[in-house]
C-alpha cells in the first residue's frame, strides 16, 4: 500500500484521522483510537499507525468493514430530559438522545455528555473537529449549570469550589459560582473542565446532595426557551460563534 509517511502532507491529501472525523466517525481523538485498535483499513490493508495521509479520491477507506465518506455537516441543539442517555444505543433498551431526533442521514453524536439524571443543553453534530475543541479543557469553553441541592451552599462552600475541592483523590474546581437570589437552594456553577460527574461530586464533598442539575450554556450558546425534549438546528451564525470560541476558525486558516 503506497501511503505517505506521517511526516509528509502532500497537496490534496489528508491525515487519516482528520478524514475519519470529517466522515462523522467521531472526534479526531476517537478516530486515533480506532486506528490504534486496527479498525480502519485503507485499500484493504489495516492501518494502525498514526498520522498516515490518504487521498479520499484514490484510496478506499473502511471502518469496521464498512466504507466511509464525507457527510454533510449537521449541527443541532437539544434540551435533554432526565432518563435519556448520551449514547447512540443502549443494550438495555433505555432511551437515548437519538430517540428525540428525527431520522438523520448522517451519524451524529453529542458534544460531551450529561449523565442520565442530568438535563439541559446538548450540542449534537458530526463535526468531529469542533466537538473535540469544545470539550478539550485547553480551549477554556465555559459550561454553565443550574444546580438545585438539598441545602444551600454556604460562603465557605463557594470558596472551596473556586479554590478546588477534593473528592476521591481528585481536585475539582469551578470557574465561577453564583447563588440564585430567589432560591436559596439553587446556584449557577461554571466549569472549564468536564470531569466525570464533576458537579455532583463537588456537592457531595461539601456534604450536599444534588436534586436537579441542568446545563444552560456552552460557550456562547444558551438553552433559552427550548423546552425539555425539544431540538432545533443551529443557525449558521451560532455555528460560527461556537467555532470562533473554540478557535476552529483560526485552525482552519492556518
C-alpha atoms as a PDB file:
ATOM      1  CA  UNK A   1       0.000   0.000   0.000  1.00  0.00           C
ATOM      2  CA  UNK A   2       1.554   3.266  -1.104  1.00  0.00           C
ATOM      3  CA  UNK A   3       0.731   5.688   1.686  1.00  0.00           C
ATOM      4  CA  UNK A   4       2.684   8.734   2.717  1.00  0.00           C
ATOM      5  CA  UNK A   5       4.652   8.710   5.925  1.00  0.00           C
ATOM      6  CA  UNK A   6       3.302  10.598   8.959  1.00  0.00           C
ATOM      7  CA  UNK A   7       5.729  13.484   8.418  1.00  0.00           C
ATOM      8  CA  UNK A   8       4.519  14.208   4.911  1.00  0.00           C
ATOM      9  CA  UNK A   9       1.391  16.123   3.981  1.00  0.00           C
ATOM     10  CA  UNK A  10       1.187  16.326   0.163  1.00  0.00           C
ATOM     11  CA  UNK A  11      -1.328  18.603  -1.575  1.00  0.00           C
ATOM     12  CA  UNK A  12      -4.914  17.254  -1.772  1.00  0.00           C
ATOM     13  CA  UNK A  13      -4.196  14.689   0.933  1.00  0.00           C
ATOM     14  CA  UNK A  14      -5.488  14.472   4.496  1.00  0.00           C
ATOM     15  CA  UNK A  15      -4.323  12.784   7.647  1.00  0.00           C
ATOM     16  CA  UNK A  16      -6.394   9.659   8.074  1.00  0.00           C
ATOM     17  CA  UNK A  17      -7.783  10.626  11.499  1.00  0.00           C
ATOM     18  CA  UNK A  18      -8.876  14.043  10.208  1.00  0.00           C
ATOM     19  CA  UNK A  19     -10.672  12.471   7.252  1.00  0.00           C
ATOM     20  CA  UNK A  20     -12.433   9.963   9.518  1.00  0.00           C
ATOM     21  CA  UNK A  21     -13.612  12.811  11.756  1.00  0.00           C
ATOM     22  CA  UNK A  22     -14.935  14.648   8.705  1.00  0.00           C
ATOM     23  CA  UNK A  23     -16.856  11.495   7.823  1.00  0.00           C
ATOM     24  CA  UNK A  24     -18.652  11.628  11.157  1.00  0.00           C
ATOM     25  CA  UNK A  25     -16.932   8.586  12.649  1.00  0.00           C
ATOM     26  CA  UNK A  26     -16.078  10.528  15.799  1.00  0.00           C
ATOM     27  CA  UNK A  27     -13.702  13.151  17.155  1.00  0.00           C
ATOM     28  CA  UNK A  28     -10.093  13.054  15.966  1.00  0.00           C
ATOM     29  CA  UNK A  29      -9.086  11.575  19.298  1.00  0.00           C
ATOM     30  CA  UNK A  30     -11.703   8.833  18.942  1.00  0.00           C
ATOM     31  CA  UNK A  31     -10.588   8.169  15.369  1.00  0.00           C
ATOM     32  CA  UNK A  32      -6.977   7.870  16.508  1.00  0.00           C
ATOM     33  CA  UNK A  33      -8.139   5.219  18.969  1.00  0.00           C
ATOM     34  CA  UNK A  34      -9.988   3.365  16.172  1.00  0.00           C
ATOM     35  CA  UNK A  35      -6.767   3.403  14.148  1.00  0.00           C
ATOM     36  CA  UNK A  36      -4.768   2.130  17.123  1.00  0.00           C
ATOM     37  CA  UNK A  37      -7.223  -0.748  17.534  1.00  0.00           C
ATOM     38  CA  UNK A  38      -6.878  -1.746  13.884  1.00  0.00           C
ATOM     39  CA  UNK A  39     -10.478  -0.930  12.942  1.00  0.00           C
ATOM     40  CA  UNK A  40      -9.519   1.085   9.842  1.00  0.00           C
ATOM     41  CA  UNK A  41      -8.386  -0.336   6.521  1.00  0.00           C
ATOM     42  CA  UNK A  42      -7.058   1.601   3.552  1.00  0.00           C
ATOM     43  CA  UNK A  43      -7.187  -0.222   0.208  1.00  0.00           C
ATOM     44  CA  UNK A  44      -7.680  -3.497   2.065  1.00  0.00           C
ATOM     45  CA  UNK A  45      -4.764  -3.096   4.465  1.00  0.00           C
ATOM     46  CA  UNK A  46      -5.189  -2.444   8.182  1.00  0.00           C
ATOM     47  CA  UNK A  47      -3.653   0.876   9.247  1.00  0.00           C
ATOM     48  CA  UNK A  48      -2.566   1.115  12.877  1.00  0.00           C
ATOM     49  CA  UNK A  49      -0.013   3.927  12.532  1.00  0.00           C
ATOM     50  CA  UNK A  50      -0.998   7.468  13.484  1.00  0.00           C
ATOM     51  CA  UNK A  51      -0.566  10.367  11.087  1.00  0.00           C
ATOM     52  CA  UNK A  52      -0.800   8.433   7.800  1.00  0.00           C
ATOM     53  CA  UNK A  53      -2.131  10.592   4.967  1.00  0.00           C
ATOM     54  CA  UNK A  54      -4.619   9.429   2.373  1.00  0.00           C
ATOM     55  CA  UNK A  55      -6.252  10.747  -0.771  1.00  0.00           C
ATOM     56  CA  UNK A  56     -10.039  10.233  -0.471  1.00  0.00           C
ATOM     57  CA  UNK A  57     -10.413  10.381  -4.251  1.00  0.00           C
ATOM     58  CA  UNK A  58      -7.983   7.473  -4.710  1.00  0.00           C
ATOM     59  CA  UNK A  59      -7.931   5.358  -1.550  1.00  0.00           C
ATOM     60  CA  UNK A  60     -10.791   3.166  -0.286  1.00  0.00           C
ATOM     61  CA  UNK A  61     -11.251   3.594   3.470  1.00  0.00           C
ATOM     62  CA  UNK A  62     -13.298   1.177   5.581  1.00  0.00           C
ATOM     63  CA  UNK A  63     -14.335   1.438   9.235  1.00  0.00           C
ATOM     64  CA  UNK A  64     -15.211  -1.938  10.723  1.00  0.00           C
ATOM     65  CA  UNK A  65     -15.585  -3.258   7.200  1.00  0.00           C
ATOM     66  CA  UNK A  66     -17.960  -0.509   6.044  1.00  0.00           C
ATOM     67  CA  UNK A  67     -16.971   2.207   3.555  1.00  0.00           C
ATOM     68  CA  UNK A  68     -16.827   5.755   4.865  1.00  0.00           C
ATOM     69  CA  UNK A  69     -17.266   9.047   3.078  1.00  0.00           C
ATOM     70  CA  UNK A  70     -17.582  12.706   3.944  1.00  0.00           C
ATOM     71  CA  UNK A  71     -21.081  13.523   5.167  1.00  0.00           C
ATOM     72  CA  UNK A  72     -22.911  16.856   5.180  1.00  0.00           C
ATOM     73  CA  UNK A  73     -22.181  18.572   8.467  1.00  0.00           C
ATOM     74  CA  UNK A  74     -25.084  18.707  10.906  1.00  0.00           C
ATOM     75  CA  UNK A  75     -25.413  20.988  13.943  1.00  0.00           C
ATOM     76  CA  UNK A  76     -28.325  20.690  16.374  1.00  0.00           C
ATOM     77  CA  UNK A  77     -29.118  21.803  19.896  1.00  0.00           C
ATOM     78  CA  UNK A  78     -31.197  19.540  22.146  1.00  0.00           C
ATOM     79  CA  UNK A  79     -32.716  20.063  25.577  1.00  0.00           C
ATOM     80  CA  UNK A  80     -32.073  16.651  27.128  1.00  0.00           C
ATOM     81  CA  UNK A  81     -34.633  15.455  29.683  1.00  0.00           C
ATOM     82  CA  UNK A  82     -33.807  13.164  32.572  1.00  0.00           C
ATOM     83  CA  UNK A  83     -33.654   9.421  31.911  1.00  0.00           C
ATOM     84  CA  UNK A  84     -32.122   9.904  28.453  1.00  0.00           C
ATOM     85  CA  UNK A  85     -28.626   8.618  27.646  1.00  0.00           C
ATOM     86  CA  UNK A  86     -25.983  10.459  25.624  1.00  0.00           C
ATOM     87  CA  UNK A  87     -25.114   7.355  23.634  1.00  0.00           C
ATOM     88  CA  UNK A  88     -26.206   6.122  20.236  1.00  0.00           C
ATOM     89  CA  UNK A  89     -27.564   2.804  21.508  1.00  0.00           C
ATOM     90  CA  UNK A  90     -28.132   1.028  24.801  1.00  0.00           C
ATOM     91  CA  UNK A  91     -28.129  -2.772  25.203  1.00  0.00           C
ATOM     92  CA  UNK A  92     -30.775  -2.432  27.941  1.00  0.00           C
ATOM     93  CA  UNK A  93     -33.142  -0.604  25.605  1.00  0.00           C
ATOM     94  CA  UNK A  94     -33.170   2.679  27.510  1.00  0.00           C
ATOM     95  CA  UNK A  95     -33.938   5.914  25.681  1.00  0.00           C
ATOM     96  CA  UNK A  96     -31.030   7.709  24.031  1.00  0.00           C
ATOM     97  CA  UNK A  97     -30.737  11.211  22.602  1.00  0.00           C
ATOM     98  CA  UNK A  98     -31.335   9.750  19.117  1.00  0.00           C
ATOM     99  CA  UNK A  99     -34.865   8.784  20.174  1.00  0.00           C
ATOM    100  CA  UNK A 100     -35.629  12.507  20.492  1.00  0.00           C
ATOM    101  CA  UNK A 101     -34.388  13.379  16.990  1.00  0.00           C
ATOM    102  CA  UNK A 102     -35.849  12.714  13.541  1.00  0.00           C
ATOM    103  CA  UNK A 103     -34.064  10.140  11.330  1.00  0.00           C
ATOM    104  CA  UNK A 104     -30.661  11.557  10.414  1.00  0.00           C
ATOM    105  CA  UNK A 105     -28.874  10.987   7.105  1.00  0.00           C
ATOM    106  CA  UNK A 106     -25.519  11.344   8.886  1.00  0.00           C
ATOM    107  CA  UNK A 107     -24.178   9.659  12.006  1.00  0.00           C
ATOM    108  CA  UNK A 108     -24.291  12.253  14.783  1.00  0.00           C
ATOM    109  CA  UNK A 109     -23.149  12.282  18.397  1.00  0.00           C
ATOM    110  CA  UNK A 110     -23.290  14.591  21.396  1.00  0.00           C
ATOM    111  CA  UNK A 111     -20.553  17.084  22.211  1.00  0.00           C
ATOM    112  CA  UNK A 112     -19.619  15.841  25.651  1.00  0.00           C
ATOM    113  CA  UNK A 113     -22.156  14.113  27.863  1.00  0.00           C
ATOM    114  CA  UNK A 114     -24.748  14.720  30.511  1.00  0.00           C
ATOM    115  CA  UNK A 115     -25.351  11.805  32.861  1.00  0.00           C
ATOM    116  CA  UNK A 116     -28.714  10.066  32.864  1.00  0.00           C
ATOM    117  CA  UNK A 117     -30.077  12.098  35.779  1.00  0.00           C
ATOM    118  CA  UNK A 118     -28.949  15.455  34.363  1.00  0.00           C
ATOM    119  CA  UNK A 119     -30.769  17.575  31.818  1.00  0.00           C
ATOM    120  CA  UNK A 120     -30.333  20.588  29.604  1.00  0.00           C
ATOM    121  CA  UNK A 121     -28.231  21.810  26.720  1.00  0.00           C
ATOM    122  CA  UNK A 122     -26.625  19.298  24.373  1.00  0.00           C
ATOM    123  CA  UNK A 123     -24.927  20.080  21.087  1.00  0.00           C
ATOM    124  CA  UNK A 124     -25.398  17.288  18.545  1.00  0.00           C
ATOM    125  CA  UNK A 125     -23.180  17.182  15.469  1.00  0.00           C
ATOM    126  CA  UNK A 126     -20.962  15.104  13.208  1.00  0.00           C
ATOM    127  CA  UNK A 127     -18.226  17.763  13.139  1.00  0.00           C
ATOM    128  CA  UNK A 128     -15.511  15.847  14.969  1.00  0.00           C
ATOM    129  CA  UNK A 129     -13.022  18.708  14.990  1.00  0.00           C
ATOM    130  CA  UNK A 130     -15.459  21.170  16.566  1.00  0.00           C
ATOM    131  CA  UNK A 131     -16.637  18.551  19.074  1.00  0.00           C
ATOM    132  CA  UNK A 132     -13.068  17.901  20.205  1.00  0.00           C
ATOM    133  CA  UNK A 133     -12.325  21.598  20.565  1.00  0.00           C
ATOM    134  CA  UNK A 134     -15.466  22.329  22.568  1.00  0.00           C
ATOM    135  CA  UNK A 135     -14.728  19.525  25.035  1.00  0.00           C
ATOM    136  CA  UNK A 136     -10.954  19.886  25.456  1.00  0.00           C
ATOM    137  CA  UNK A 137     -10.095  21.878  28.615  1.00  0.00           C
ATOM    138  CA  UNK A 138      -7.264  23.774  26.913  1.00  0.00           C
ATOM    139  CA  UNK A 139      -9.803  25.817  24.937  1.00  0.00           C
ATOM    140  CA  UNK A 140     -11.475  27.054  28.143  1.00  0.00           C
ATOM    141  CA  UNK A 141     -15.037  26.829  26.852  1.00  0.00           C
ATOM    142  CA  UNK A 142     -17.287  27.742  29.810  1.00  0.00           C
ATOM    143  CA  UNK A 143     -20.193  25.441  30.557  1.00  0.00           C
ATOM    144  CA  UNK A 144     -22.836  26.813  32.911  1.00  0.00           C
ATOM    145  CA  UNK A 145     -25.103  24.614  35.027  1.00  0.00           C
ATOM    146  CA  UNK A 146     -28.095  25.479  37.190  1.00  0.00           C
ATOM    147  CA  UNK A 147     -27.974  23.276  40.280  1.00  0.00           C
ATOM    148  CA  UNK A 148     -30.618  22.623  42.927  1.00  0.00           C
ATOM    149  CA  UNK A 149     -29.476  20.922  46.140  1.00  0.00           C
ATOM    150  CA  UNK A 150     -30.998  19.677  49.387  1.00  0.00           C
ATOM    151  CA  UNK A 151     -29.320  22.517  51.305  1.00  0.00           C
ATOM    152  CA  UNK A 152     -27.976  25.920  50.235  1.00  0.00           C
ATOM    153  CA  UNK A 153     -24.307  26.452  49.506  1.00  0.00           C
ATOM    154  CA  UNK A 154     -22.512  28.467  52.167  1.00  0.00           C
ATOM    155  CA  UNK A 155     -19.919  31.151  51.508  1.00  0.00           C
ATOM    156  CA  UNK A 156     -17.309  28.618  52.629  1.00  0.00           C
ATOM    157  CA  UNK A 157     -18.618  26.064  50.100  1.00  0.00           C
ATOM    158  CA  UNK A 158     -18.349  28.624  47.312  1.00  0.00           C
ATOM    159  CA  UNK A 159     -14.756  29.455  48.228  1.00  0.00           C
ATOM    160  CA  UNK A 160     -13.852  25.765  48.298  1.00  0.00           C
ATOM    161  CA  UNK A 161     -15.446  25.234  44.864  1.00  0.00           C
ATOM    162  CA  UNK A 162     -13.430  28.132  43.430  1.00  0.00           C
ATOM    163  CA  UNK A 163     -10.158  27.091  45.070  1.00  0.00           C
ATOM    164  CA  UNK A 164     -10.639  23.384  44.315  1.00  0.00           C
ATOM    165  CA  UNK A 165     -12.319  20.746  46.439  1.00  0.00           C
ATOM    166  CA  UNK A 166     -11.030  17.205  46.904  1.00  0.00           C
ATOM    167  CA  UNK A 167     -13.146  14.163  46.072  1.00  0.00           C
ATOM    168  CA  UNK A 168     -11.876  10.601  45.561  1.00  0.00           C
ATOM    169  CA  UNK A 169      -8.298  11.839  45.335  1.00  0.00           C
ATOM    170  CA  UNK A 170      -9.058  14.389  42.624  1.00  0.00           C
ATOM    171  CA  UNK A 171      -9.174  18.191  42.832  1.00  0.00           C
ATOM    172  CA  UNK A 172     -12.404  19.546  41.334  1.00  0.00           C
ATOM    173  CA  UNK A 173     -12.626  23.260  40.563  1.00  0.00           C
ATOM    174  CA  UNK A 174     -15.369  25.641  39.457  1.00  0.00           C
ATOM    175  CA  UNK A 175     -14.566  28.742  37.408  1.00  0.00           C
ATOM    176  CA  UNK A 176     -17.497  30.659  38.899  1.00  0.00           C
ATOM    177  CA  UNK A 177     -20.372  30.149  41.332  1.00  0.00           C
ATOM    178  CA  UNK A 178     -23.389  32.452  41.522  1.00  0.00           C
ATOM    179  CA  UNK A 179     -26.091  31.942  44.130  1.00  0.00           C
ATOM    180  CA  UNK A 180     -29.637  32.424  42.856  1.00  0.00           C
ATOM    181  CA  UNK A 181     -31.220  35.494  44.503  1.00  0.00           C
ATOM    182  CA  UNK A 182     -34.733  33.987  44.508  1.00  0.00           C
ATOM    183  CA  UNK A 183     -33.971  30.377  45.579  1.00  0.00           C
ATOM    184  CA  UNK A 184     -31.574  29.632  48.441  1.00  0.00           C
ATOM    185  CA  UNK A 185     -31.063  26.047  47.283  1.00  0.00           C
ATOM    186  CA  UNK A 186     -30.169  26.984  43.699  1.00  0.00           C
ATOM    187  CA  UNK A 187     -26.832  28.092  42.257  1.00  0.00           C
ATOM    188  CA  UNK A 188     -25.248  28.563  38.847  1.00  0.00           C
ATOM    189  CA  UNK A 189     -21.915  26.780  38.546  1.00  0.00           C
ATOM    190  CA  UNK A 190     -19.497  27.408  35.668  1.00  0.00           C
ATOM    191  CA  UNK A 191     -16.915  24.779  34.682  1.00  0.00           C
ATOM    192  CA  UNK A 192     -13.974  24.978  32.300  1.00  0.00           C
ATOM    193  CA  UNK A 193     -13.247  21.266  32.617  1.00  0.00           C
ATOM    194  CA  UNK A 194     -15.512  18.267  32.344  1.00  0.00           C
ATOM    195  CA  UNK A 195     -14.539  15.531  34.749  1.00  0.00           C
ATOM    196  CA  UNK A 196     -16.919  12.628  35.306  1.00  0.00           C
ATOM    197  CA  UNK A 197     -19.994  13.738  37.329  1.00  0.00           C
ATOM    198  CA  UNK A 198     -17.959  16.700  38.464  1.00  0.00           C
ATOM    199  CA  UNK A 199     -20.673  18.930  39.939  1.00  0.00           C
ATOM    200  CA  UNK A 200     -22.377  16.082  41.794  1.00  0.00           C
ATOM    201  CA  UNK A 201     -19.014  15.088  43.263  1.00  0.00           C
ATOM    202  CA  UNK A 202     -18.243  18.685  44.301  1.00  0.00           C
ATOM    203  CA  UNK A 203     -21.557  18.962  46.120  1.00  0.00           C
ATOM    204  CA  UNK A 204     -21.017  15.567  47.745  1.00  0.00           C
ATOM    205  CA  UNK A 205     -17.605  16.726  49.007  1.00  0.00           C
ATOM    206  CA  UNK A 206     -19.406  19.726  50.566  1.00  0.00           C
ATOM    207  CA  UNK A 207     -21.881  17.413  52.260  1.00  0.00           C
ATOM    208  CA  UNK A 208     -24.798  18.247  49.999  1.00  0.00           C
ATOM    209  CA  UNK A 209     -26.897  16.281  47.528  1.00  0.00           C
ATOM    210  CA  UNK A 210     -27.775  17.497  44.047  1.00  0.00           C
ATOM    211  CA  UNK A 211     -31.505  17.157  43.469  1.00  0.00           C
ATOM    212  CA  UNK A 212     -31.613  18.636  39.980  1.00  0.00           C
ATOM    213  CA  UNK A 213     -28.881  19.618  37.504  1.00  0.00           C
ATOM    214  CA  UNK A 214     -29.494  21.439  34.227  1.00  0.00           C
ATOM    215  CA  UNK A 215     -26.874  22.737  31.771  1.00  0.00           C
ATOM    216  CA  UNK A 216     -27.976  26.110  30.435  1.00  0.00           C
ATOM    217  CA  UNK A 217     -24.984  27.314  28.387  1.00  0.00           C
ATOM    218  CA  UNK A 218     -21.971  26.074  26.404  1.00  0.00           C
ATOM    219  CA  UNK A 219     -19.700  28.934  25.363  1.00  0.00           C
ATOM    220  CA  UNK A 220     -21.871  31.494  23.543  1.00  0.00           C
ATOM    221  CA  UNK A 221     -24.774  29.070  23.060  1.00  0.00           C
ATOM    222  CA  UNK A 222     -27.663  29.307  25.549  1.00  0.00           C
ATOM    223  CA  UNK A 223     -30.550  26.935  26.180  1.00  0.00           C
ATOM    224  CA  UNK A 224     -33.050  29.822  26.275  1.00  0.00           C
ATOM    225  CA  UNK A 225     -36.687  28.841  25.651  1.00  0.00           C
ATOM    226  CA  UNK A 226     -36.110  25.389  24.176  1.00  0.00           C
ATOM    227  CA  UNK A 227     -38.418  23.066  26.081  1.00  0.00           C
ATOM    228  CA  UNK A 228     -37.395  19.722  27.559  1.00  0.00           C
ATOM    229  CA  UNK A 229     -37.113  17.061  24.843  1.00  0.00           C
ATOM    230  CA  UNK A 230     -37.156  19.609  22.016  1.00  0.00           C
ATOM    231  CA  UNK A 231     -34.405  20.233  19.474  1.00  0.00           C
ATOM    232  CA  UNK A 232     -33.658  22.693  16.707  1.00  0.00           C
ATOM    233  CA  UNK A 233     -30.951  23.163  14.085  1.00  0.00           C
ATOM    234  CA  UNK A 234     -28.277  25.681  14.916  1.00  0.00           C
ATOM    235  CA  UNK A 235     -28.216  28.813  12.800  1.00  0.00           C
ATOM    236  CA  UNK A 236     -25.101  29.456  10.742  1.00  0.00           C
ATOM    237  CA  UNK A 237     -24.288  32.435  12.948  1.00  0.00           C
ATOM    238  CA  UNK A 238     -24.458  30.206  16.058  1.00  0.00           C
ATOM    239  CA  UNK A 239     -22.126  27.640  14.489  1.00  0.00           C
ATOM    240  CA  UNK A 240     -19.715  30.428  13.557  1.00  0.00           C
ATOM    241  CA  UNK A 241     -19.757  31.745  17.138  1.00  0.00           C
ATOM    242  CA  UNK A 242     -19.032  28.279  18.529  1.00  0.00           C
ATOM    243  CA  UNK A 243     -16.155  27.794  16.095  1.00  0.00           C
ATOM    244  CA  UNK A 244     -14.773  31.214  16.976  1.00  0.00           C
ATOM    245  CA  UNK A 245     -14.964  30.470  20.702  1.00  0.00           C
ATOM    246  CA  UNK A 246     -13.205  27.127  20.188  1.00  0.00           C
ATOM    247  CA  UNK A 247     -10.551  28.522  17.861  1.00  0.00           C
ATOM    248  CA  UNK A 248     -11.682  26.302  14.983  1.00  0.00           C
ATOM    249  CA  UNK A 249     -11.763  29.182  12.513  1.00  0.00           C
ATOM    250  CA  UNK A 250      -8.141  30.126  13.263  1.00  0.00           C
ATOM    251  CA  UNK A 251      -7.085  26.485  12.934  1.00  0.00           C
ATOM    252  CA  UNK A 252      -8.832  26.199   9.568  1.00  0.00           C
ATOM    253  CA  UNK A 253      -6.950  29.244   8.298  1.00  0.00           C
ATOM    254  CA  UNK A 254      -3.564  28.006   9.479  1.00  0.00           C
END
